[in-house]
Amino acid sequence: MPISSIITVTVPVADQERALTFYTGVLGFEVVTDNPFPLGRWLTVAPKGAGTTLLLASWFPDMAPIGGLVVGAPDLDALAARLQEHEIAFDGPSEQAWGRQLLFHDPFGNGFVVSQA
């Protein structure tokens, strides 16, 4: 049977509380699950209404940051202003052959490519 969806992407973080503050406070994601887990805490976040969640996992200390999770945003200028307000370094928005994009990293080095949706 073929794979029909992506449910969760594991995002390695060193500190789940700090990650939660970033993803909810800066990016505006919502907490989907926050449950005890044998290795710590099963903490997932997602944009409102999204079908795929990000698992903010602190129990993989040797896992390298993800390189370029591609996400969409309706207004890259507003996102750039929000990132700047929170002193998060970013590149863009810039015009590319495929459309507008903005690049940034979370506090743990995970890379994001944001395309204007």
PDB file of N, CA and C in Angstrom:
ATOM      1  N   MET A   1       0.852  -1.187   0.000  1.00  0.00           N
ATOM      2  CA  MET A   1       0.000   0.000   0.000  1.00  0.00           C
ATOM      3  C   MET A   1       0.890   1.240   0.000  1.00  0.00           C
ATOM      4  N   PRO A   2       0.613   2.201  -0.855  1.00  0.00           N
ATOM      5  CA  PRO A   2       1.442   3.415  -0.895  1.00  0.00           C
ATOM      6  C   PRO A   2       1.198   4.317   0.312  1.00  0.00           C
ATOM      7  N   ILE A   3       2.192   5.132   0.606  1.00  0.00           N
ATOM      8  CA  ILE A   3       2.070   6.107   1.688  1.00  0.00           C
ATOM      9  C   ILE A   3       1.102   7.189   1.230  1.00  0.00           C
ATOM     10  N   SER A   4       0.191   7.581   2.115  1.00  0.00           N
ATOM     11  CA  SER A   4      -0.845   8.544   1.730  1.00  0.00           C
ATOM     12  C   SER A   4      -0.711   9.910   2.384  1.00  0.00           C
ATOM     13  N   SER A   5       0.147  10.028   3.410  1.00  0.00           N
ATOM     14  CA  SER A   5       0.294  11.334   4.055  1.00  0.00           C
ATOM     15  C   SER A   5       1.546  11.354   4.918  1.00  0.00           C
ATOM     16  N   ILE A   6       1.969  12.560   5.261  1.00  0.00           N
ATOM     17  CA  ILE A   6       3.040  12.747   6.241  1.00  0.00           C
ATOM     18  C   ILE A   6       2.359  13.270   7.492  1.00  0.00           C
ATOM     19  N   ILE A   7       2.516  12.550   8.585  1.00  0.00           N
ATOM     20  CA  ILE A   7       1.815  12.892   9.815  1.00  0.00           C
ATOM     21  C   ILE A   7       2.664  13.810  10.689  1.00  0.00           C
ATOM     22  N   THR A   8       3.918  13.414  10.919  1.00  0.00           N
ATOM     23  CA  THR A   8       4.784  14.159  11.822  1.00  0.00           C
ATOM     24  C   THR A   8       6.207  14.190  11.277  1.00  0.00           C
ATOM     25  N   VAL A   9       6.857  15.327  11.439  1.00  0.00           N
ATOM     26  CA  VAL A   9       8.270  15.477  11.114  1.00  0.00           C
ATOM     27  C   VAL A   9       8.993  15.762  12.428  1.00  0.00           C
ATOM     28  N   THR A  10      10.029  14.978  12.727  1.00  0.00           N
ATOM     29  CA  THR A  10      10.794  15.180  13.949  1.00  0.00           C
ATOM     30  C   THR A  10      11.781  16.325  13.757  1.00  0.00           C
ATOM     31  N   VAL A  11      11.698  17.295  14.652  1.00  0.00           N
ATOM     32  CA  VAL A  11      12.587  18.453  14.642  1.00  0.00           C
ATOM     33  C   VAL A  11      13.421  18.376  15.921  1.00  0.00           C
ATOM     34  N   PRO A  12      14.746  18.154  15.789  1.00  0.00           N
ATOM     35  CA  PRO A  12      15.566  18.044  16.991  1.00  0.00           C
ATOM     36  C   PRO A  12      15.762  19.394  17.666  1.00  0.00           C
ATOM     37  N   VAL A  13      15.522  19.427  18.970  1.00  0.00           N
ATOM     38  CA  VAL A  13      15.703  20.645  19.768  1.00  0.00           C
ATOM     39  C   VAL A  13      16.418  20.273  21.061  1.00  0.00           C
ATOM     40  N   ALA A  14      17.212  21.186  21.583  1.00  0.00           N
ATOM     41  CA  ALA A  14      17.935  20.918  22.825  1.00  0.00           C
ATOM     42  C   ALA A  14      17.073  21.188  24.051  1.00  0.00           C
ATOM     43  N   ASP A  15      16.065  22.040  23.910  1.00  0.00           N
ATOM     44  CA  ASP A  15      15.244  22.473  25.042  1.00  0.00           C
ATOM     45  C   ASP A  15      13.802  22.614  24.558  1.00  0.00           C
ATOM     46  N   GLN A  16      12.940  21.724  25.015  1.00  0.00           N
ATOM     47  CA  GLN A  16      11.555  21.736  24.537  1.00  0.00           C
ATOM     48  C   GLN A  16      10.802  22.998  24.945  1.00  0.00           C
ATOM     49  N   GLU A  17      11.028  23.507  26.127  1.00  0.00           N
ATOM     50  CA  GLU A  17      10.328  24.729  26.553  1.00  0.00           C
ATOM     51  C   GLU A  17      10.727  25.922  25.687  1.00  0.00           C
ATOM     52  N   ARG A  18      12.016  26.039  25.435  1.00  0.00           N
ATOM     53  CA  ARG A  18      12.495  27.129  24.572  1.00  0.00           C
ATOM     54  C   ARG A  18      11.940  26.967  23.165  1.00  0.00           C
ATOM     55  N   ALA A  19      11.913  25.737  22.667  1.00  0.00           N
ATOM     56  CA  ALA A  19      11.356  25.469  21.342  1.00  0.00           C
ATOM     57  C   ALA A  19       9.864  25.803  21.309  1.00  0.00           C
ATOM     58  N   LEU A  20       9.141  25.427  22.349  1.00  0.00           N
ATOM     59  CA  LEU A  20       7.716  25.717  22.421  1.00  0.00           C
ATOM     60  C   LEU A  20       7.467  27.223  22.379  1.00  0.00           C
ATOM     61  N   THR A  21       8.262  27.975  23.111  1.00  0.00           N
ATOM     62  CA  THR A  21       8.138  29.437  23.106  1.00  0.00           C
ATOM     63  C   THR A  21       8.374  29.998  21.705  1.00  0.00           C
ATOM     64  N   PHE A  22       9.388  29.477  21.014  1.00  0.00           N
ATOM     65  CA  PHE A  22       9.684  29.950  19.661  1.00  0.00           C
ATOM     66  C   PHE A  22       8.561  29.604  18.681  1.00  0.00           C
ATOM     67  N   TYR A  23       8.176  28.340  18.653  1.00  0.00           N
ATOM     68  CA  TYR A  23       7.198  27.894  17.650  1.00  0.00           C
ATOM     69  C   TYR A  23       5.801  28.473  17.888  1.00  0.00           C
ATOM     70  N   THR A  24       5.409  28.639  19.140  1.00  0.00           N
ATOM     71  CA  THR A  24       4.090  29.221  19.400  1.00  0.00           C
ATOM     72  C   THR A  24       4.150  30.744  19.457  1.00  0.00           C
ATOM     73  N   GLY A  25       5.147  31.281  20.135  1.00  0.00           N
ATOM     74  CA  GLY A  25       5.223  32.724  20.336  1.00  0.00           C
ATOM     75  C   GLY A  25       5.695  33.510  19.137  1.00  0.00           C
ATOM     76  N   VAL A  26       6.655  32.971  18.391  1.00  0.00           N
ATOM     77  CA  VAL A  26       7.203  33.683  17.236  1.00  0.00           C
ATOM     78  C   VAL A  26       6.476  33.287  15.957  1.00  0.00           C
ATOM     79  N   LEU A  27       6.338  31.977  15.722  1.00  0.00           N
ATOM     80  CA  LEU A  27       5.735  31.513  14.472  1.00  0.00           C
ATOM     81  C   LEU A  27       4.220  31.380  14.530  1.00  0.00           C
ATOM     82  N   GLY A  28       3.635  31.426  15.720  1.00  0.00           N
ATOM     83  CA  GLY A  28       2.183  31.360  15.833  1.00  0.00           C
ATOM     84  C   GLY A  28       1.601  29.965  15.696  1.00  0.00           C
ATOM     85  N   PHE A  29       2.421  28.928  15.857  1.00  0.00           N
ATOM     86  CA  PHE A  29       1.916  27.556  15.785  1.00  0.00           C
ATOM     87  C   PHE A  29       1.067  27.269  17.020  1.00  0.00           C
ATOM     88  N   GLU A  30       0.269  26.226  16.921  1.00  0.00           N
ATOM     89  CA  GLU A  30      -0.544  25.755  18.042  1.00  0.00           C
ATOM     90  C   GLU A  30       0.006  24.440  18.567  1.00  0.00           C
ATOM     91  N   VAL A  31      -0.162  24.199  19.860  1.00  0.00           N
ATOM     92  CA  VAL A  31       0.205  22.908  20.441  1.00  0.00           C
ATOM     93  C   VAL A  31      -0.856  21.897  20.023  1.00  0.00           C
ATOM     94  N   VAL A  32      -0.397  20.788  19.455  1.00  0.00           N
ATOM     95  CA  VAL A  32      -1.315  19.720  19.048  1.00  0.00           C
ATOM     96  C   VAL A  32      -1.346  18.639  20.122  1.00  0.00           C
ATOM     97  N   THR A  33      -0.158  18.209  20.574  1.00  0.00           N
ATOM     98  CA  THR A  33      -0.074  17.251  21.678  1.00  0.00           C
ATOM     99  C   THR A  33       1.029  17.681  22.630  1.00  0.00           C
ATOM    100  N   ASP A  34       0.815  17.422  23.898  1.00  0.00           N
ATOM    101  CA  ASP A  34       1.816  17.676  24.931  1.00  0.00           C
ATOM    102  C   ASP A  34       1.579  16.635  26.011  1.00  0.00           C
ATOM    103  N   ASN A  35       2.224  15.483  25.835  1.00  0.00           N
ATOM    104  CA  ASN A  35       1.970  14.344  26.706  1.00  0.00           C
ATOM    105  C   ASN A  35       3.277  13.768  27.247  1.00  0.00           C
ATOM    106  N   PRO A  36       3.216  13.175  28.456  1.00  0.00           N
ATOM    107  CA  PRO A  36       4.391  12.468  28.966  1.00  0.00           C
ATOM    108  C   PRO A  36       4.767  11.344  28.006  1.00  0.00           C
ATOM    109  N   PHE A  37       6.036  11.063  27.923  1.00  0.00           N
ATOM    110  CA  PHE A  37       6.577  10.073  27.008  1.00  0.00           C
ATOM    111  C   PHE A  37       7.749   9.435  27.730  1.00  0.00           C
ATOM    112  N   PRO A  38       8.001   8.133  27.560  1.00  0.00           N
ATOM    113  CA  PRO A  38       9.096   7.492  28.306  1.00  0.00           C
ATOM    114  C   PRO A  38      10.439   8.221  28.200  1.00  0.00           C
ATOM    115  N   LEU A  39      10.686   8.890  27.079  1.00  0.00           N
ATOM    116  CA  LEU A  39      11.958   9.597  26.919  1.00  0.00           C
ATOM    117  C   LEU A  39      11.866  11.060  27.315  1.00  0.00           C
ATOM    118  N   GLY A  40      10.706  11.510  27.753  1.00  0.00           N
ATOM    119  CA  GLY A  40      10.524  12.900  28.163  1.00  0.00           C
ATOM    120  C   GLY A  40       9.113  13.401  27.935  1.00  0.00           C
ATOM    121  N   ARG A  41       8.916  14.027  26.784  1.00  0.00           N
ATOM    122  CA  ARG A  41       7.648  14.702  26.516  1.00  0.00           C
ATOM    123  C   ARG A  41       7.360  14.623  25.020  1.00  0.00           C
ATOM    124  N   TRP A  42       6.164  14.151  24.652  1.00  0.00           N
ATOM    125  CA  TRP A  42       5.747  14.093  23.255  1.00  0.00           C
ATOM    126  C   TRP A  42       5.036  15.414  22.963  1.00  0.00           C
ATOM    127  N   LEU A  43       5.779  16.328  22.353  1.00  0.00           N
ATOM    128  CA  LEU A  43       5.317  17.694  22.145  1.00  0.00           C
ATOM    129  C   LEU A  43       5.271  17.977  20.650  1.00  0.00           C
ATOM    130  N   THR A  44       4.054  18.140  20.125  1.00  0.00           N
ATOM    131  CA  THR A  44       3.914  18.455  18.706  1.00  0.00           C
ATOM    132  C   THR A  44       3.206  19.794  18.542  1.00  0.00           C
ATOM    133  N   VAL A  45       3.613  20.500  17.491  1.00  0.00           N
ATOM    134  CA  VAL A  45       3.039  21.798  17.159  1.00  0.00           C
ATOM    135  C   VAL A  45       2.755  21.823  15.660  1.00  0.00           C
ATOM    136  N   ALA A  46       1.889  22.757  15.261  1.00  0.00           N
ATOM    137  CA  ALA A  46       1.556  22.904  13.840  1.00  0.00           C
ATOM    138  C   ALA A  46       0.864  24.240  13.623  1.00  0.00           C
ATOM    139  N   PRO A  47       0.936  24.733  12.397  1.00  0.00           N
ATOM    140  CA  PRO A  47       0.098  25.889  12.076  1.00  0.00           C
ATOM    141  C   PRO A  47      -1.376  25.490  12.243  1.00  0.00           C
ATOM    142  N   LYS A  48      -2.204  26.432  12.589  1.00  0.00           N
ATOM    143  CA  LYS A  48      -3.633  26.150  12.782  1.00  0.00           C
ATOM    144  C   LYS A  48      -4.213  25.472  11.540  1.00  0.00           C
ATOM    145  N   GLY A  49      -4.857  24.328  11.757  1.00  0.00           N
ATOM    146  CA  GLY A  49      -5.524  23.600  10.691  1.00  0.00           C
ATOM    147  C   GLY A  49      -4.629  22.714   9.848  1.00  0.00           C
ATOM    148  N   ALA A  50      -3.337  22.680  10.128  1.00  0.00           N
ATOM    149  CA  ALA A  50      -2.407  21.868   9.326  1.00  0.00           C
ATOM    150  C   ALA A  50      -2.600  20.385   9.623  1.00  0.00           C
ATOM    151  N   GLY A  51      -2.365  19.568   8.633  1.00  0.00           N
ATOM    152  CA  GLY A  51      -2.476  18.125   8.795  1.00  0.00           C
ATOM    153  C   GLY A  51      -1.190  17.463   9.254  1.00  0.00           C
ATOM    154  N   THR A  52      -0.072  18.131   9.095  1.00  0.00           N
ATOM    155  CA  THR A  52       1.232  17.595   9.494  1.00  0.00           C
ATOM    156  C   THR A  52       1.730  18.371  10.709  1.00  0.00           C
ATOM    157  N   THR A  53       2.263  17.641  11.678  1.00  0.00           N
ATOM    158  CA  THR A  53       2.787  18.280  12.888  1.00  0.00           C
ATOM    159  C   THR A  53       4.305  18.196  12.919  1.00  0.00           C
ATOM    160  N   LEU A  54       4.906  19.054  13.737  1.00  0.00           N
ATOM    161  CA  LEU A  54       6.333  18.995  14.025  1.00  0.00           C
ATOM    162  C   LEU A  54       6.500  18.471  15.443  1.00  0.00           C
ATOM    163  N   LEU A  55       7.258  17.395  15.585  1.00  0.00           N
ATOM    164  CA  LEU A  55       7.573  16.835  16.895  1.00  0.00           C
ATOM    165  C   LEU A  55       8.842  17.504  17.395  1.00  0.00           C
ATOM    166  N   LEU A  56       8.735  18.276  18.462  1.00  0.00           N
ATOM    167  CA  LEU A  56       9.879  18.966  19.052  1.00  0.00           C
ATOM    168  C   LEU A  56      10.557  17.991  20.008  1.00  0.00           C
ATOM    169  N   ALA A  57      11.559  17.272  19.493  1.00  0.00           N
ATOM    170  CA  ALA A  57      12.163  16.154  20.210  1.00  0.00           C
ATOM    171  C   ALA A  57      13.519  16.532  20.788  1.00  0.00           C
ATOM    172  N   SER A  58      13.652  16.358  22.089  1.00  0.00           N
ATOM    173  CA  SER A  58      14.919  16.667  22.763  1.00  0.00           C
ATOM    174  C   SER A  58      15.722  15.414  23.102  1.00  0.00           C
ATOM    175  N   TRP A  59      15.223  14.242  22.770  1.00  0.00           N
ATOM    176  CA  TRP A  59      15.881  13.004  23.183  1.00  0.00           C
ATOM    177  C   TRP A  59      16.811  12.426  22.116  1.00  0.00           C
ATOM    178  N   PHE A  60      17.146  13.219  21.093  1.00  0.00           N
ATOM    179  CA  PHE A  60      18.113  12.807  20.078  1.00  0.00           C
ATOM    180  C   PHE A  60      19.297  13.777  20.093  1.00  0.00           C
ATOM    181  N   PRO A  61      20.143  13.747  21.128  1.00  0.00           N
ATOM    182  CA  PRO A  61      21.204  14.752  21.242  1.00  0.00           C
ATOM    183  C   PRO A  61      22.196  14.743  20.078  1.00  0.00           C
ATOM    184  N   ASP A  62      22.333  13.624  19.379  1.00  0.00           N
ATOM    185  CA  ASP A  62      23.280  13.551  18.270  1.00  0.00           C
ATOM    186  C   ASP A  62      22.625  13.767  16.909  1.00  0.00           C
ATOM    187  N   MET A  63      21.330  14.003  16.888  1.00  0.00           N
ATOM    188  CA  MET A  63      20.634  14.206  15.619  1.00  0.00           C
ATOM    189  C   MET A  63      20.948  15.596  15.081  1.00  0.00           C
ATOM    190  N   ALA A  64      21.390  15.650  13.836  1.00  0.00           N
ATOM    191  CA  ALA A  64      21.708  16.938  13.208  1.00  0.00           C
ATOM    192  C   ALA A  64      20.421  17.709  12.945  1.00  0.00           C
ATOM    193  N   PRO A  65      20.496  19.033  12.951  1.00  0.00           N
ATOM    194  CA  PRO A  65      19.315  19.827  12.611  1.00  0.00           C
ATOM    195  C   PRO A  65      18.823  19.486  11.211  1.00  0.00           C
ATOM    196  N   ILE A  66      17.527  19.649  10.994  1.00  0.00           N
ATOM    197  CA  ILE A  66      16.990  19.434   9.652  1.00  0.00           C
ATOM    198  C   ILE A  66      17.455  20.580   8.765  1.00  0.00           C
ATOM    199  N   GLY A  67      17.645  20.286   7.498  1.00  0.00           N
ATOM    200  CA  GLY A  67      18.283  21.249   6.616  1.00  0.00           C
ATOM    201  C   GLY A  67      17.380  22.260   5.955  1.00  0.00           C
ATOM    202  N   GLY A  68      16.197  21.915   5.600  1.00  0.00           N
ATOM    203  CA  GLY A  68      15.371  22.866   4.876  1.00  0.00           C
ATOM    204  C   GLY A  68      13.933  22.413   4.769  1.00  0.00           C
ATOM    205  N   LEU A  69      13.200  22.574   5.839  1.00  0.00           N
ATOM    206  CA  LEU A  69      11.789  22.247   5.825  1.00  0.00           C
ATOM    207  C   LEU A  69      11.082  23.348   5.044  1.00  0.00           C
ATOM    208  N   VAL A  70      10.384  22.995   3.996  1.00  0.00           N
ATOM    209  CA  VAL A  70       9.699  23.978   3.162  1.00  0.00           C
ATOM    210  C   VAL A  70       8.270  24.134   3.667  1.00  0.00           C
ATOM    211  N   VAL A  71       7.913  25.363   4.015  1.00  0.00           N
ATOM    212  CA  VAL A  71       6.583  25.686   4.525  1.00  0.00           C
ATOM    213  C   VAL A  71       6.021  26.860   3.735  1.00  0.00           C
ATOM    214  N   GLY A  72       4.753  27.116   3.881  1.00  0.00           N
ATOM    215  CA  GLY A  72       4.116  28.222   3.180  1.00  0.00           C
ATOM    216  C   GLY A  72       3.600  29.270   4.143  1.00  0.00           C
ATOM    217  N   ALA A  73       3.581  30.510   3.681  1.00  0.00           N
ATOM    218  CA  ALA A  73       3.024  31.624   4.459  1.00  0.00           C
ATOM    219  C   ALA A  73       2.322  32.562   3.484  1.00  0.00           C
ATOM    220  N   PRO A  74       1.188  33.131   3.888  1.00  0.00           N
ATOM    221  CA  PRO A  74       0.455  34.015   2.987  1.00  0.00           C
ATOM    222  C   PRO A  74       1.093  35.387   2.809  1.00  0.00           C
ATOM    223  N   ASP A  75       1.955  35.808   3.761  1.00  0.00           N
ATOM    224  CA  ASP A  75       2.519  37.157   3.709  1.00  0.00           C
ATOM    225  C   ASP A  75       3.952  37.129   4.243  1.00  0.00           C
ATOM    226  N   LEU A  76       4.921  37.045   3.341  1.00  0.00           N
ATOM    227  CA  LEU A  76       6.318  36.967   3.755  1.00  0.00           C
ATOM    228  C   LEU A  76       6.810  38.261   4.390  1.00  0.00           C
ATOM    229  N   ASP A  77       6.256  39.394   3.973  1.00  0.00           N
ATOM    230  CA  ASP A  77       6.665  40.655   4.579  1.00  0.00           C
ATOM    231  C   ASP A  77       6.255  40.704   6.050  1.00  0.00           C
ATOM    232  N   ALA A  78       5.067  40.232   6.352  1.00  0.00           N
ATOM    233  CA  ALA A  78       4.618  40.185   7.746  1.00  0.00           C
ATOM    234  C   ALA A  78       5.462  39.206   8.551  1.00  0.00           C
ATOM    235  N   LEU A  79       5.815  38.065   7.954  1.00  0.00           N
ATOM    236  CA  LEU A  79       6.673  37.106   8.650  1.00  0.00           C
ATOM    237  C   LEU A  79       8.045  37.715   8.905  1.00  0.00           C
ATOM    238  N   ALA A  80       8.604  38.406   7.919  1.00  0.00           N
ATOM    239  CA  ALA A  80       9.908  39.053   8.091  1.00  0.00           C
ATOM    240  C   ALA A  80       9.850  40.065   9.230  1.00  0.00           C
ATOM    241  N   ALA A  81       8.790  40.839   9.298  1.00  0.00           N
ATOM    242  CA  ALA A  81       8.644  41.825  10.375  1.00  0.00           C
ATOM    243  C   ALA A  81       8.571  41.127  11.728  1.00  0.00           C
ATOM    244  N   ARG A  82       7.847  40.017  11.796  1.00  0.00           N
ATOM    245  CA  ARG A  82       7.726  39.280  13.059  1.00  0.00           C
ATOM    246  C   ARG A  82       9.073  38.696  13.479  1.00  0.00           C
ATOM    247  N   LEU A  83       9.802  38.104  12.526  1.00  0.00           N
ATOM    248  CA  LEU A  83      11.121  37.558  12.845  1.00  0.00           C
ATOM    249  C   LEU A  83      12.062  38.661  13.310  1.00  0.00           C
ATOM    250  N   GLN A  84      12.016  39.801  12.639  1.00  0.00           N
ATOM    251  CA  GLN A  84      12.866  40.925  13.026  1.00  0.00           C
ATOM    252  C   GLN A  84      12.506  41.419  14.427  1.00  0.00           C
ATOM    253  N   GLU A  85      11.221  41.479  14.715  1.00  0.00           N
ATOM    254  CA  GLU A  85      10.749  41.904  16.044  1.00  0.00           C
ATOM    255  C   GLU A  85      11.320  41.013  17.151  1.00  0.00           C
ATOM    256  N   HIS A  86      11.478  39.727  16.839  1.00  0.00           N
ATOM    257  CA  HIS A  86      11.997  38.769  17.822  1.00  0.00           C
ATOM    258  C   HIS A  86      13.494  38.515  17.654  1.00  0.00           C
ATOM    259  N   GLU A  87      14.151  39.357  16.848  1.00  0.00           N
ATOM    260  CA  GLU A  87      15.594  39.291  16.629  1.00  0.00           C
ATOM    261  C   GLU A  87      16.056  37.939  16.102  1.00  0.00           C
ATOM    262  N   ILE A  88      15.272  37.383  15.168  1.00  0.00           N
ATOM    263  CA  ILE A  88      15.613  36.136  14.495  1.00  0.00           C
ATOM    264  C   ILE A  88      16.200  36.507  13.134  1.00  0.00           C
ATOM    265  N   ALA A  89      17.416  36.060  12.851  1.00  0.00           N
ATOM    266  CA  ALA A  89      18.051  36.341  11.565  1.00  0.00           C
ATOM    267  C   ALA A  89      17.300  35.630  10.441  1.00  0.00           C
ATOM    268  N   PHE A  90      17.193  36.301   9.297  1.00  0.00           N
ATOM    269  CA  PHE A  90      16.524  35.704   8.143  1.00  0.00           C
ATOM    270  C   PHE A  90      17.107  36.306   6.875  1.00  0.00           C
ATOM    271  N   ASP A  91      16.810  35.661   5.758  1.00  0.00           N
ATOM    272  CA  ASP A  91      17.240  36.134   4.452  1.00  0.00           C
ATOM    273  C   ASP A  91      15.995  36.239   3.577  1.00  0.00           C
ATOM    274  N   GLY A  92      15.740  37.431   3.056  1.00  0.00           N
ATOM    275  CA  GLY A  92      14.569  37.634   2.212  1.00  0.00           C
ATOM    276  C   GLY A  92      13.615  38.605   2.863  1.00  0.00           C
ATOM    277  N   PRO A  93      12.424  38.661   2.338  1.00  0.00           N
ATOM    278  CA  PRO A  93      11.911  37.899   1.214  1.00  0.00           C
ATOM    279  C   PRO A  93      12.646  38.266  -0.084  1.00  0.00           C
ATOM    280  N   SER A  94      12.777  37.275  -0.945  1.00  0.00           N
ATOM    281  CA  SER A  94      13.427  37.489  -2.221  1.00  0.00           C
ATOM    282  C   SER A  94      12.602  36.854  -3.333  1.00  0.00           C
ATOM    283  N   GLU A  95      12.755  37.413  -4.515  1.00  0.00           N
ATOM    284  CA  GLU A  95      12.069  36.876  -5.692  1.00  0.00           C
ATOM    285  C   GLU A  95      12.945  35.796  -6.309  1.00  0.00           C
ATOM    286  N   GLN A  96      12.382  34.643  -6.530  1.00  0.00           N
ATOM    287  CA  GLN A  96      13.060  33.524  -7.170  1.00  0.00           C
ATOM    288  C   GLN A  96      12.262  33.106  -8.403  1.00  0.00           C
ATOM    289  N   ALA A  97      12.837  32.263  -9.227  1.00  0.00           N
ATOM    290  CA  ALA A  97      12.136  31.803 -10.436  1.00  0.00           C
ATOM    291  C   ALA A  97      10.819  31.117 -10.080  1.00  0.00           C
ATOM    292  N   TRP A  98      10.746  30.510  -8.909  1.00  0.00           N
ATOM    293  CA  TRP A  98       9.549  29.771  -8.492  1.00  0.00           C
ATOM    294  C   TRP A  98       8.623  30.602  -7.611  1.00  0.00           C
ATOM    295  N   GLY A  99       8.990  31.848  -7.302  1.00  0.00           N
ATOM    296  CA  GLY A  99       8.148  32.715  -6.473  1.00  0.00           C
ATOM    297  C   GLY A  99       8.950  33.344  -5.352  1.00  0.00           C
ATOM    298  N   ARG A 100       8.258  33.988  -4.435  1.00  0.00           N
ATOM    299  CA  ARG A 100       8.920  34.646  -3.295  1.00  0.00           C
ATOM    300  C   ARG A 100       9.267  33.627  -2.222  1.00  0.00           C
ATOM    301  N   GLN A 101      10.400  33.868  -1.561  1.00  0.00           N
ATOM    302  CA  GLN A 101      10.785  32.992  -0.453  1.00  0.00           C
ATOM    303  C   GLN A 101      11.530  33.775   0.610  1.00  0.00           C
ATOM    304  N   LEU A 102      11.568  33.194   1.800  1.00  0.00           N
ATOM    305  CA  LEU A 102      12.279  33.732   2.951  1.00  0.00           C
ATOM    306  C   LEU A 102      12.939  32.544   3.640  1.00  0.00           C
ATOM    307  N   LEU A 103      14.172  32.726   4.103  1.00  0.00           N
ATOM    308  CA  LEU A 103      14.907  31.659   4.779  1.00  0.00           C
ATOM    309  C   LEU A 103      15.213  32.067   6.216  1.00  0.00           C
ATOM    310  N   PHE A 104      15.112  31.128   7.156  1.00  0.00           N
ATOM    311  CA  PHE A 104      15.514  31.382   8.541  1.00  0.00           C
ATOM    312  C   PHE A 104      15.824  30.065   9.227  1.00  0.00           C
ATOM    313  N   HIS A 105      16.443  30.161  10.397  1.00  0.00           N
ATOM    314  CA  HIS A 105      16.716  29.002  11.250  1.00  0.00           C
ATOM    315  C   HIS A 105      16.040  29.214  12.601  1.00  0.00           C
ATOM    316  N   ASP A 106      15.575  28.116  13.190  1.00  0.00           N
ATOM    317  CA  ASP A 106      15.065  28.214  14.556  1.00  0.00           C
ATOM    318  C   ASP A 106      16.259  28.308  15.509  1.00  0.00           C
ATOM    319  N   PRO A 107      16.037  28.499  16.795  1.00  0.00           N
ATOM    320  CA  PRO A 107      17.154  28.642  17.735  1.00  0.00           C
ATOM    321  C   PRO A 107      18.065  27.416  17.842  1.00  0.00           C
ATOM    322  N   PHE A 108      17.677  26.299  17.231  1.00  0.00           N
ATOM    323  CA  PHE A 108      18.440  25.060  17.335  1.00  0.00           C
ATOM    324  C   PHE A 108      19.134  24.694  16.029  1.00  0.00           C
ATOM    325  N   GLY A 109      19.072  25.587  15.045  1.00  0.00           N
ATOM    326  CA  GLY A 109      19.751  25.365  13.777  1.00  0.00           C
ATOM    327  C   GLY A 109      18.939  24.688  12.703  1.00  0.00           C
ATOM    328  N   ASN A 110      17.664  24.400  12.976  1.00  0.00           N
ATOM    329  CA  ASN A 110      16.805  23.791  11.968  1.00  0.00           C
ATOM    330  C   ASN A 110      16.439  24.848  10.925  1.00  0.00           C
ATOM    331  N   GLY A 111      16.656  24.521   9.645  1.00  0.00           N
ATOM    332  CA  GLY A 111      16.455  25.475   8.579  1.00  0.00           C
ATOM    333  C   GLY A 111      15.064  25.425   7.975  1.00  0.00           C
ATOM    334  N   PHE A 112      14.536  26.602   7.668  1.00  0.00           N
ATOM    335  CA  PHE A 112      13.217  26.722   7.057  1.00  0.00           C
ATOM    336  C   PHE A 112      13.300  27.536   5.777  1.00  0.00           C
ATOM    337  N   VAL A 113      12.619  27.067   4.753  1.00  0.00           N
ATOM    338  CA  VAL A 113      12.403  27.805   3.518  1.00  0.00           C
ATOM    339  C   VAL A 113      10.910  28.108   3.505  1.00  0.00           C
ATOM    340  N   VAL A 114      10.570  29.379   3.483  1.00  0.00           N
ATOM    341  CA  VAL A 114       9.163  29.761   3.500  1.00  0.00           C
ATOM    342  C   VAL A 114       8.807  30.328   2.137  1.00  0.00           C
ATOM    343  N   SER A 115       7.847  29.701   1.471  1.00  0.00           N
ATOM    344  CA  SER A 115       7.351  30.176   0.191  1.00  0.00           C
ATOM    345  C   SER A 115       6.050  30.916   0.411  1.00  0.00           C
ATOM    346  N   GLN A 116       5.868  31.955  -0.370  1.00  0.00           N
ATOM    347  CA  GLN A 116       4.603  32.706  -0.252  1.00  0.00           C
ATOM    348  C   GLN A 116       3.492  31.821  -0.803  1.00  0.00           C
ATOM    349  N   ALA A 117       2.513  31.533   0.031  1.00  0.00           N
ATOM    350  CA  ALA A 117       1.401  30.656  -0.354  1.00  0.00           C
ATOM    351  C   ALA A 117       0.309  31.456  -1.035  1.00  0.00           C
TER     352      ALA A 117
END
